[in-house]
C-alpha cells in the first residue's frame, strides 16, 4: 500500500491560486493525505509558497502539520531553521536532482527514475499511474 502526498495540497490537479495556502493544505490533511509544502524563512519569519514567500505562518502551524508534512525548503534560511529546531521535521532541498535524501532518510525521486520501498516518487502528470509504483509514497497533483 502506497502513501499519498498531495503536492502543495493538490488533490484534483494544480490550483496555482491555492497551492501551499494553509487552508488548502488542511483540506488535504483532513482527507487523510500527507502534504508536500514549500517553505521559506526570511528575517526569522516563516512563509509558505512555491516561487516566492506568500503565506506567513507561525511555527505552531508548521509544528501542527509536521507529522504528515514533507517540507520542501526553498531557501537556505529554511534549511537552517528546520535543521536547528528541536522538533524533528521531515524536509528536503532539491531542484532538478534525480534523487535527494529527506531529513528522515527517504529518497525523494524524480519522475522516471528507479525506486525502492524507501522512495517517494514525484509524478505530477494527469495520467499518473499512482497505484503502480514500487515505493513508499507518491507525491502527486491528481490523487483523487
N, C-alpha and C. Protein backbone atom coordinates (compact mmCIF):
# COMPACT_ATOMS: atom_id res chain seq x y z
N UNK A 1 0.85 -1.19 0.00
CA UNK A 1 0.00 0.00 0.00
C UNK A 1 0.88 1.24 0.00
N UNK A 2 0.72 2.08 -0.99
CA UNK A 2 1.47 3.32 -1.07
C UNK A 2 0.82 4.40 -0.22
N UNK A 3 1.64 5.30 0.28
CA UNK A 3 1.16 6.51 0.92
C UNK A 3 1.01 7.56 -0.17
N UNK A 4 0.09 8.49 0.01
CA UNK A 4 -0.11 9.53 -0.98
C UNK A 4 0.17 10.89 -0.38
N UNK A 5 0.94 11.68 -1.12
CA UNK A 5 1.33 13.02 -0.70
C UNK A 5 0.73 14.01 -1.69
N UNK A 6 -0.12 14.89 -1.20
CA UNK A 6 -0.74 15.91 -2.04
C UNK A 6 0.28 17.02 -2.29
N UNK A 7 0.74 17.11 -3.53
CA UNK A 7 1.73 18.09 -3.94
C UNK A 7 1.18 19.51 -3.74
N UNK A 8 1.73 20.23 -2.77
CA UNK A 8 1.30 21.59 -2.41
C UNK A 8 -0.17 21.64 -1.99
N UNK A 9 -0.72 20.47 -1.62
CA UNK A 9 -2.12 20.39 -1.20
C UNK A 9 -3.06 19.97 -2.32
N UNK A 10 -2.56 19.82 -3.54
CA UNK A 10 -3.42 19.48 -4.68
C UNK A 10 -3.94 18.05 -4.58
N UNK A 11 -5.21 17.90 -4.91
CA UNK A 11 -5.83 16.57 -4.96
C UNK A 11 -6.45 16.27 -6.33
N UNK A 12 -6.89 17.31 -7.03
CA UNK A 12 -7.57 17.13 -8.31
C UNK A 12 -6.92 17.99 -9.40
N UNK A 13 -5.62 18.14 -9.33
CA UNK A 13 -4.89 18.92 -10.32
C UNK A 13 -4.38 20.23 -9.73
N UNK A 14 -3.41 20.84 -10.40
CA UNK A 14 -2.82 22.08 -9.90
C UNK A 14 -3.85 23.20 -9.79
N UNK A 15 -3.77 23.92 -8.69
CA UNK A 15 -4.60 25.10 -8.47
C UNK A 15 -3.66 26.19 -7.94
N UNK A 16 -2.99 26.87 -8.88
CA UNK A 16 -1.91 27.80 -8.55
C UNK A 16 -2.33 28.84 -7.50
N UNK A 17 -3.58 29.26 -7.51
CA UNK A 17 -4.03 30.29 -6.56
C UNK A 17 -4.29 29.73 -5.16
N UNK A 18 -4.23 28.42 -5.00
CA UNK A 18 -4.49 27.79 -3.70
C UNK A 18 -3.27 27.07 -3.12
N UNK A 19 -2.34 26.68 -3.97
CA UNK A 19 -1.22 25.85 -3.54
C UNK A 19 -0.44 26.47 -2.38
N UNK A 20 -0.16 25.64 -1.39
CA UNK A 20 0.58 26.00 -0.17
C UNK A 20 -0.20 26.90 0.79
N UNK A 21 -1.41 27.26 0.46
CA UNK A 21 -2.24 28.06 1.36
C UNK A 21 -2.63 27.15 2.53
N UNK A 22 -2.46 27.61 3.76
CA UNK A 22 -2.74 26.73 4.92
C UNK A 22 -4.12 26.07 4.87
N UNK A 23 -5.16 26.79 4.48
CA UNK A 23 -6.50 26.19 4.42
C UNK A 23 -6.57 25.07 3.38
N UNK A 24 -5.86 25.24 2.30
CA UNK A 24 -5.83 24.24 1.23
C UNK A 24 -5.08 22.99 1.70
N UNK A 25 -3.95 23.20 2.36
CA UNK A 25 -3.20 22.08 2.93
C UNK A 25 -4.04 21.34 3.96
N UNK A 26 -4.75 22.10 4.80
CA UNK A 26 -5.58 21.49 5.84
C UNK A 26 -6.66 20.60 5.26
N UNK A 27 -7.20 20.99 4.11
CA UNK A 27 -8.24 20.17 3.46
C UNK A 27 -7.68 18.80 3.08
N UNK A 28 -6.50 18.79 2.46
CA UNK A 28 -5.88 17.51 2.08
C UNK A 28 -5.54 16.69 3.32
N UNK A 29 -5.02 17.34 4.35
CA UNK A 29 -4.70 16.64 5.60
C UNK A 29 -5.95 16.04 6.23
N UNK A 30 -7.05 16.78 6.22
CA UNK A 30 -8.31 16.31 6.80
C UNK A 30 -8.86 15.09 6.06
N UNK A 31 -8.48 14.97 4.78
CA UNK A 31 -8.91 13.82 3.99
C UNK A 31 -7.98 12.64 4.16
N UNK A 32 -6.95 12.79 5.00
CA UNK A 32 -6.06 11.68 5.32
C UNK A 32 -4.78 11.60 4.52
N UNK A 33 -4.50 12.62 3.71
CA UNK A 33 -3.29 12.60 2.88
C UNK A 33 -2.18 13.39 3.56
N UNK A 34 -0.94 13.00 3.25
CA UNK A 34 0.21 13.82 3.59
C UNK A 34 0.25 14.99 2.61
N UNK A 35 1.06 16.00 2.90
CA UNK A 35 1.21 17.14 2.00
C UNK A 35 2.67 17.49 1.80
N UNK A 36 3.01 17.87 0.57
CA UNK A 36 4.31 18.46 0.27
C UNK A 36 4.11 19.96 0.35
N UNK A 37 4.96 20.63 1.14
CA UNK A 37 4.78 22.05 1.44
C UNK A 37 6.07 22.80 1.11
N UNK A 38 5.95 23.88 0.34
CA UNK A 38 7.11 24.72 0.04
C UNK A 38 7.27 25.74 1.16
N UNK A 39 8.46 25.77 1.78
CA UNK A 39 8.68 26.61 2.96
C UNK A 39 9.87 27.55 2.74
N UNK A 40 9.70 28.77 3.21
CA UNK A 40 10.72 29.82 3.18
C UNK A 40 10.87 30.37 4.59
N UNK A 41 12.06 30.84 4.92
CA UNK A 41 12.27 31.61 6.14
C UNK A 41 13.05 32.86 5.74
N UNK A 42 12.47 34.00 6.08
CA UNK A 42 13.10 35.29 5.80
C UNK A 42 12.97 36.18 7.03
N UNK A 43 14.07 36.74 7.49
CA UNK A 43 14.06 37.65 8.65
C UNK A 43 13.33 37.02 9.83
N UNK A 44 13.60 35.75 10.07
CA UNK A 44 13.03 34.99 11.20
C UNK A 44 11.52 34.79 11.10
N UNK A 45 10.95 34.97 9.94
CA UNK A 45 9.53 34.72 9.72
C UNK A 45 9.39 33.55 8.76
N UNK A 46 8.35 32.74 8.97
CA UNK A 46 8.11 31.55 8.17
C UNK A 46 7.01 31.84 7.15
N UNK A 47 7.27 31.43 5.93
CA UNK A 47 6.30 31.61 4.85
C UNK A 47 6.14 30.31 4.09
N UNK A 48 4.98 30.16 3.47
CA UNK A 48 4.72 29.08 2.54
C UNK A 48 4.51 29.70 1.17
N UNK A 49 4.91 29.00 0.13
CA UNK A 49 4.74 29.50 -1.23
C UNK A 49 5.74 28.84 -2.14
N UNK A 50 5.37 28.67 -3.40
CA UNK A 50 6.27 27.97 -4.31
C UNK A 50 7.37 28.87 -4.87
N UNK A 51 7.01 29.85 -5.64
CA UNK A 51 8.01 30.68 -6.31
C UNK A 51 8.53 31.82 -5.46
N UNK A 52 7.79 32.15 -4.42
CA UNK A 52 8.18 33.24 -3.53
C UNK A 52 7.44 33.06 -2.20
N UNK A 53 7.93 33.70 -1.13
CA UNK A 53 7.25 33.62 0.17
C UNK A 53 5.88 34.28 0.06
N UNK A 54 4.83 33.52 0.28
CA UNK A 54 3.49 34.03 0.00
C UNK A 54 2.59 34.09 1.24
N UNK A 55 2.56 33.03 2.03
CA UNK A 55 1.65 32.96 3.18
C UNK A 55 2.46 32.89 4.46
N UNK A 56 2.41 33.94 5.26
CA UNK A 56 3.14 33.91 6.53
C UNK A 56 2.39 33.01 7.51
N UNK A 57 3.14 32.14 8.18
CA UNK A 57 2.56 31.24 9.18
C UNK A 57 3.43 31.27 10.43
N UNK A 58 2.85 30.84 11.53
CA UNK A 58 3.58 30.73 12.79
C UNK A 58 4.23 29.35 12.87
N UNK A 59 5.25 29.24 13.68
CA UNK A 59 5.89 27.93 13.87
C UNK A 59 4.90 26.92 14.42
N UNK A 60 3.93 27.37 15.22
CA UNK A 60 2.92 26.44 15.75
C UNK A 60 2.17 25.74 14.62
N UNK A 61 1.92 26.46 13.52
CA UNK A 61 1.24 25.82 12.39
C UNK A 61 2.14 24.75 11.77
N UNK A 62 3.40 25.08 11.55
CA UNK A 62 4.35 24.12 10.99
C UNK A 62 4.43 22.89 11.88
N UNK A 63 4.51 23.12 13.16
CA UNK A 63 4.58 22.01 14.12
C UNK A 63 3.30 21.18 14.08
N UNK A 64 2.14 21.83 13.94
CA UNK A 64 0.86 21.12 13.98
C UNK A 64 0.66 20.18 12.80
N UNK A 65 1.31 20.44 11.67
CA UNK A 65 1.14 19.58 10.50
C UNK A 65 2.37 18.69 10.26
N UNK A 66 3.38 18.82 11.10
CA UNK A 66 4.68 18.20 10.83
C UNK A 66 4.65 16.67 10.76
N UNK A 67 3.71 16.02 11.40
CA UNK A 67 3.70 14.56 11.35
C UNK A 67 3.26 14.04 9.98
N UNK A 68 2.66 14.90 9.13
CA UNK A 68 2.22 14.47 7.81
C UNK A 68 2.65 15.43 6.70
N UNK A 69 3.66 16.27 7.01
CA UNK A 69 4.15 17.23 6.03
C UNK A 69 5.56 16.88 5.58
N UNK A 70 5.80 17.09 4.32
CA UNK A 70 7.11 16.93 3.70
C UNK A 70 7.51 18.33 3.24
N UNK A 71 8.39 18.97 4.01
CA UNK A 71 8.74 20.36 3.75
C UNK A 71 9.83 20.47 2.70
N UNK A 72 9.50 21.15 1.61
CA UNK A 72 10.45 21.40 0.53
C UNK A 72 11.06 22.78 0.80
N UNK A 73 12.29 22.79 1.26
CA UNK A 73 12.98 24.04 1.59
C UNK A 73 13.26 24.81 0.31
N UNK A 74 12.91 26.09 0.32
CA UNK A 74 13.07 26.92 -0.87
C UNK A 74 14.23 27.91 -0.75
N UNK A 75 14.78 28.07 0.45
CA UNK A 75 15.95 28.93 0.60
C UNK A 75 16.82 28.40 1.74
N UNK A 76 18.03 28.90 1.82
CA UNK A 76 18.99 28.41 2.80
C UNK A 76 18.48 28.60 4.23
N UNK A 77 17.85 29.73 4.49
CA UNK A 77 17.35 30.00 5.84
C UNK A 77 16.31 28.99 6.29
N UNK A 78 15.52 28.48 5.35
CA UNK A 78 14.52 27.46 5.74
C UNK A 78 15.21 26.16 6.13
N UNK A 79 16.30 25.81 5.45
CA UNK A 79 17.06 24.61 5.82
C UNK A 79 17.64 24.79 7.22
N UNK A 80 18.28 25.94 7.44
CA UNK A 80 18.86 26.22 8.77
C UNK A 80 17.82 26.17 9.87
N UNK A 81 16.66 26.76 9.63
CA UNK A 81 15.58 26.80 10.61
C UNK A 81 15.12 25.39 10.98
N UNK A 82 14.83 24.57 9.98
CA UNK A 82 14.32 23.22 10.25
C UNK A 82 15.40 22.34 10.86
N UNK A 83 16.64 22.49 10.41
CA UNK A 83 17.75 21.72 10.95
C UNK A 83 18.02 22.04 12.42
N UNK A 84 17.90 23.32 12.79
CA UNK A 84 18.23 23.74 14.15
C UNK A 84 17.07 23.57 15.14
N UNK A 85 15.90 23.24 14.65
CA UNK A 85 14.74 23.09 15.53
C UNK A 85 14.86 21.84 16.39
N UNK A 86 14.33 21.91 17.59
CA UNK A 86 14.30 20.73 18.46
C UNK A 86 13.24 19.74 17.97
N UNK A 87 12.28 20.22 17.17
CA UNK A 87 11.30 19.32 16.54
C UNK A 87 11.99 18.60 15.40
N UNK A 88 11.58 17.41 15.12
CA UNK A 88 12.19 16.60 14.07
C UNK A 88 11.33 16.66 12.81
N UNK A 89 11.48 17.74 12.08
CA UNK A 89 10.72 17.93 10.85
C UNK A 89 11.24 17.03 9.73
N UNK A 90 10.38 16.74 8.78
CA UNK A 90 10.73 15.98 7.60
C UNK A 90 10.88 16.98 6.46
N UNK A 91 12.12 17.20 5.99
CA UNK A 91 12.36 18.23 4.99
C UNK A 91 13.44 17.79 4.01
N UNK A 92 13.51 18.53 2.91
CA UNK A 92 14.49 18.24 1.86
C UNK A 92 14.69 19.49 1.03
N UNK A 93 15.75 19.48 0.25
CA UNK A 93 16.04 20.51 -0.73
C UNK A 93 16.31 19.79 -2.05
N UNK A 94 15.73 20.27 -3.13
CA UNK A 94 16.09 19.78 -4.46
C UNK A 94 15.60 20.77 -5.49
N UNK A 95 16.18 20.66 -6.67
CA UNK A 95 15.69 21.44 -7.80
C UNK A 95 15.38 20.46 -8.94
N UNK A 96 16.40 20.05 -9.65
CA UNK A 96 16.16 19.10 -10.75
C UNK A 96 16.96 17.82 -10.54
N UNK A 97 17.34 17.56 -9.29
CA UNK A 97 18.11 16.37 -8.98
C UNK A 97 17.30 15.11 -9.29
N UNK A 98 17.98 14.06 -9.72
CA UNK A 98 17.30 12.79 -9.94
C UNK A 98 16.83 12.20 -8.61
N UNK A 99 17.64 12.37 -7.57
CA UNK A 99 17.33 11.86 -6.23
C UNK A 99 17.81 12.87 -5.20
N UNK A 100 17.13 12.93 -4.09
CA UNK A 100 17.64 13.68 -2.95
C UNK A 100 17.15 12.97 -1.69
N UNK A 101 17.90 13.07 -0.62
CA UNK A 101 17.51 12.43 0.64
C UNK A 101 16.74 13.42 1.51
N UNK A 102 15.69 12.93 2.15
CA UNK A 102 14.98 13.77 3.11
C UNK A 102 15.67 13.64 4.46
N UNK A 103 15.33 14.52 5.36
CA UNK A 103 15.94 14.51 6.69
C UNK A 103 15.60 13.25 7.48
N UNK A 104 14.58 12.52 7.05
CA UNK A 104 14.21 11.28 7.72
C UNK A 104 14.63 10.05 6.93
N UNK A 105 15.52 10.25 5.95
CA UNK A 105 16.12 9.12 5.25
C UNK A 105 15.33 8.54 4.09
N UNK A 106 14.33 9.25 3.58
CA UNK A 106 13.61 8.79 2.40
C UNK A 106 14.30 9.33 1.15
N UNK A 107 14.10 8.66 0.03
CA UNK A 107 14.70 9.05 -1.23
C UNK A 107 13.63 9.76 -2.07
N UNK A 108 13.71 11.09 -2.13
CA UNK A 108 12.78 11.89 -2.95
C UNK A 108 13.23 11.72 -4.39
N UNK A 109 12.38 11.18 -5.25
CA UNK A 109 12.78 10.66 -6.55
C UNK A 109 12.08 11.38 -7.70
N UNK A 110 12.88 11.83 -8.65
CA UNK A 110 12.39 12.50 -9.85
C UNK A 110 11.60 11.50 -10.70
N UNK A 111 10.60 11.96 -11.44
CA UNK A 111 9.81 11.04 -12.29
C UNK A 111 10.69 10.23 -13.24
N UNK A 112 10.34 8.98 -13.41
CA UNK A 112 11.02 8.11 -14.35
C UNK A 112 12.28 7.44 -13.83
N UNK A 113 12.63 7.71 -12.58
CA UNK A 113 13.84 7.13 -12.00
C UNK A 113 13.52 5.84 -11.25
N UNK A 114 14.55 5.09 -10.98
CA UNK A 114 14.44 3.84 -10.22
C UNK A 114 13.90 4.14 -8.82
N UNK A 115 13.10 3.23 -8.28
CA UNK A 115 12.54 3.39 -6.93
C UNK A 115 12.77 2.15 -6.09
N UNK A 116 12.58 2.32 -4.80
CA UNK A 116 12.63 1.21 -3.84
C UNK A 116 11.54 1.46 -2.80
N UNK A 117 11.44 0.57 -1.84
CA UNK A 117 10.42 0.73 -0.80
C UNK A 117 10.68 1.94 0.09
N UNK A 118 11.81 2.61 -0.08
CA UNK A 118 12.14 3.80 0.70
C UNK A 118 12.07 5.08 -0.16
N UNK A 119 11.48 4.97 -1.36
CA UNK A 119 11.41 6.09 -2.30
C UNK A 119 10.07 6.81 -2.20
N UNK A 120 10.13 8.11 -2.47
CA UNK A 120 8.94 8.90 -2.73
C UNK A 120 9.06 9.33 -4.18
N UNK A 121 8.18 8.83 -5.04
CA UNK A 121 8.23 9.18 -6.45
C UNK A 121 7.33 10.39 -6.68
N UNK A 122 7.83 11.35 -7.42
CA UNK A 122 7.05 12.52 -7.80
C UNK A 122 6.49 12.27 -9.19
N UNK A 123 5.16 12.25 -9.30
CA UNK A 123 4.52 12.08 -10.60
C UNK A 123 3.36 13.07 -10.66
N UNK A 124 3.58 14.17 -11.34
CA UNK A 124 2.60 15.26 -11.38
C UNK A 124 1.71 15.22 -12.62
N UNK A 125 1.87 14.18 -13.43
CA UNK A 125 1.09 14.10 -14.66
C UNK A 125 -0.35 13.70 -14.37
N UNK A 126 -1.23 14.16 -15.23
CA UNK A 126 -2.65 13.83 -15.09
C UNK A 126 -2.89 12.33 -15.29
N UNK A 127 -2.01 11.70 -16.05
CA UNK A 127 -2.13 10.27 -16.34
C UNK A 127 -1.32 9.42 -15.36
N UNK A 128 -0.94 9.97 -14.23
CA UNK A 128 -0.12 9.23 -13.26
C UNK A 128 -0.79 7.91 -12.90
N UNK A 129 0.00 6.87 -12.91
CA UNK A 129 -0.50 5.55 -12.51
C UNK A 129 -0.10 5.36 -11.04
N UNK A 130 -0.80 6.05 -10.17
CA UNK A 130 -0.35 6.16 -8.78
C UNK A 130 -0.40 4.86 -8.00
N UNK A 131 -1.05 3.86 -8.51
CA UNK A 131 -1.08 2.58 -7.81
C UNK A 131 -0.10 1.56 -8.38
N UNK A 132 0.75 1.98 -9.32
CA UNK A 132 1.62 1.02 -9.99
C UNK A 132 3.09 1.14 -9.60
N UNK A 133 3.43 1.99 -8.66
CA UNK A 133 4.83 2.18 -8.29
C UNK A 133 5.25 1.28 -7.14
N UNK A 134 6.50 0.83 -7.17
CA UNK A 134 7.13 0.16 -6.03
C UNK A 134 7.85 1.25 -5.24
N UNK A 135 7.20 1.77 -4.22
CA UNK A 135 7.79 2.87 -3.47
C UNK A 135 7.06 3.02 -2.14
N UNK A 136 7.59 3.87 -1.29
CA UNK A 136 6.95 4.16 -0.02
C UNK A 136 5.76 5.10 -0.22
N UNK A 137 5.94 6.13 -1.06
CA UNK A 137 4.88 7.12 -1.26
C UNK A 137 4.96 7.71 -2.65
N UNK A 138 3.84 8.31 -3.06
CA UNK A 138 3.74 9.00 -4.32
C UNK A 138 3.31 10.43 -4.03
N UNK A 139 4.04 11.39 -4.57
CA UNK A 139 3.68 12.80 -4.47
C UNK A 139 3.05 13.19 -5.80
N UNK A 140 1.78 13.59 -5.77
CA UNK A 140 1.04 13.82 -6.99
C UNK A 140 0.09 15.01 -6.86
N UNK A 141 -0.30 15.56 -8.01
CA UNK A 141 -1.32 16.62 -8.08
C UNK A 141 -2.71 16.03 -8.24
N UNK A 142 -2.79 14.80 -8.75
CA UNK A 142 -4.06 14.16 -9.10
C UNK A 142 -4.28 12.91 -8.26
N UNK A 143 -4.42 13.06 -6.98
CA UNK A 143 -4.59 11.91 -6.09
C UNK A 143 -6.02 11.36 -6.18
N UNK A 144 -6.99 12.24 -6.22
CA UNK A 144 -8.38 11.76 -6.29
C UNK A 144 -8.71 11.24 -7.68
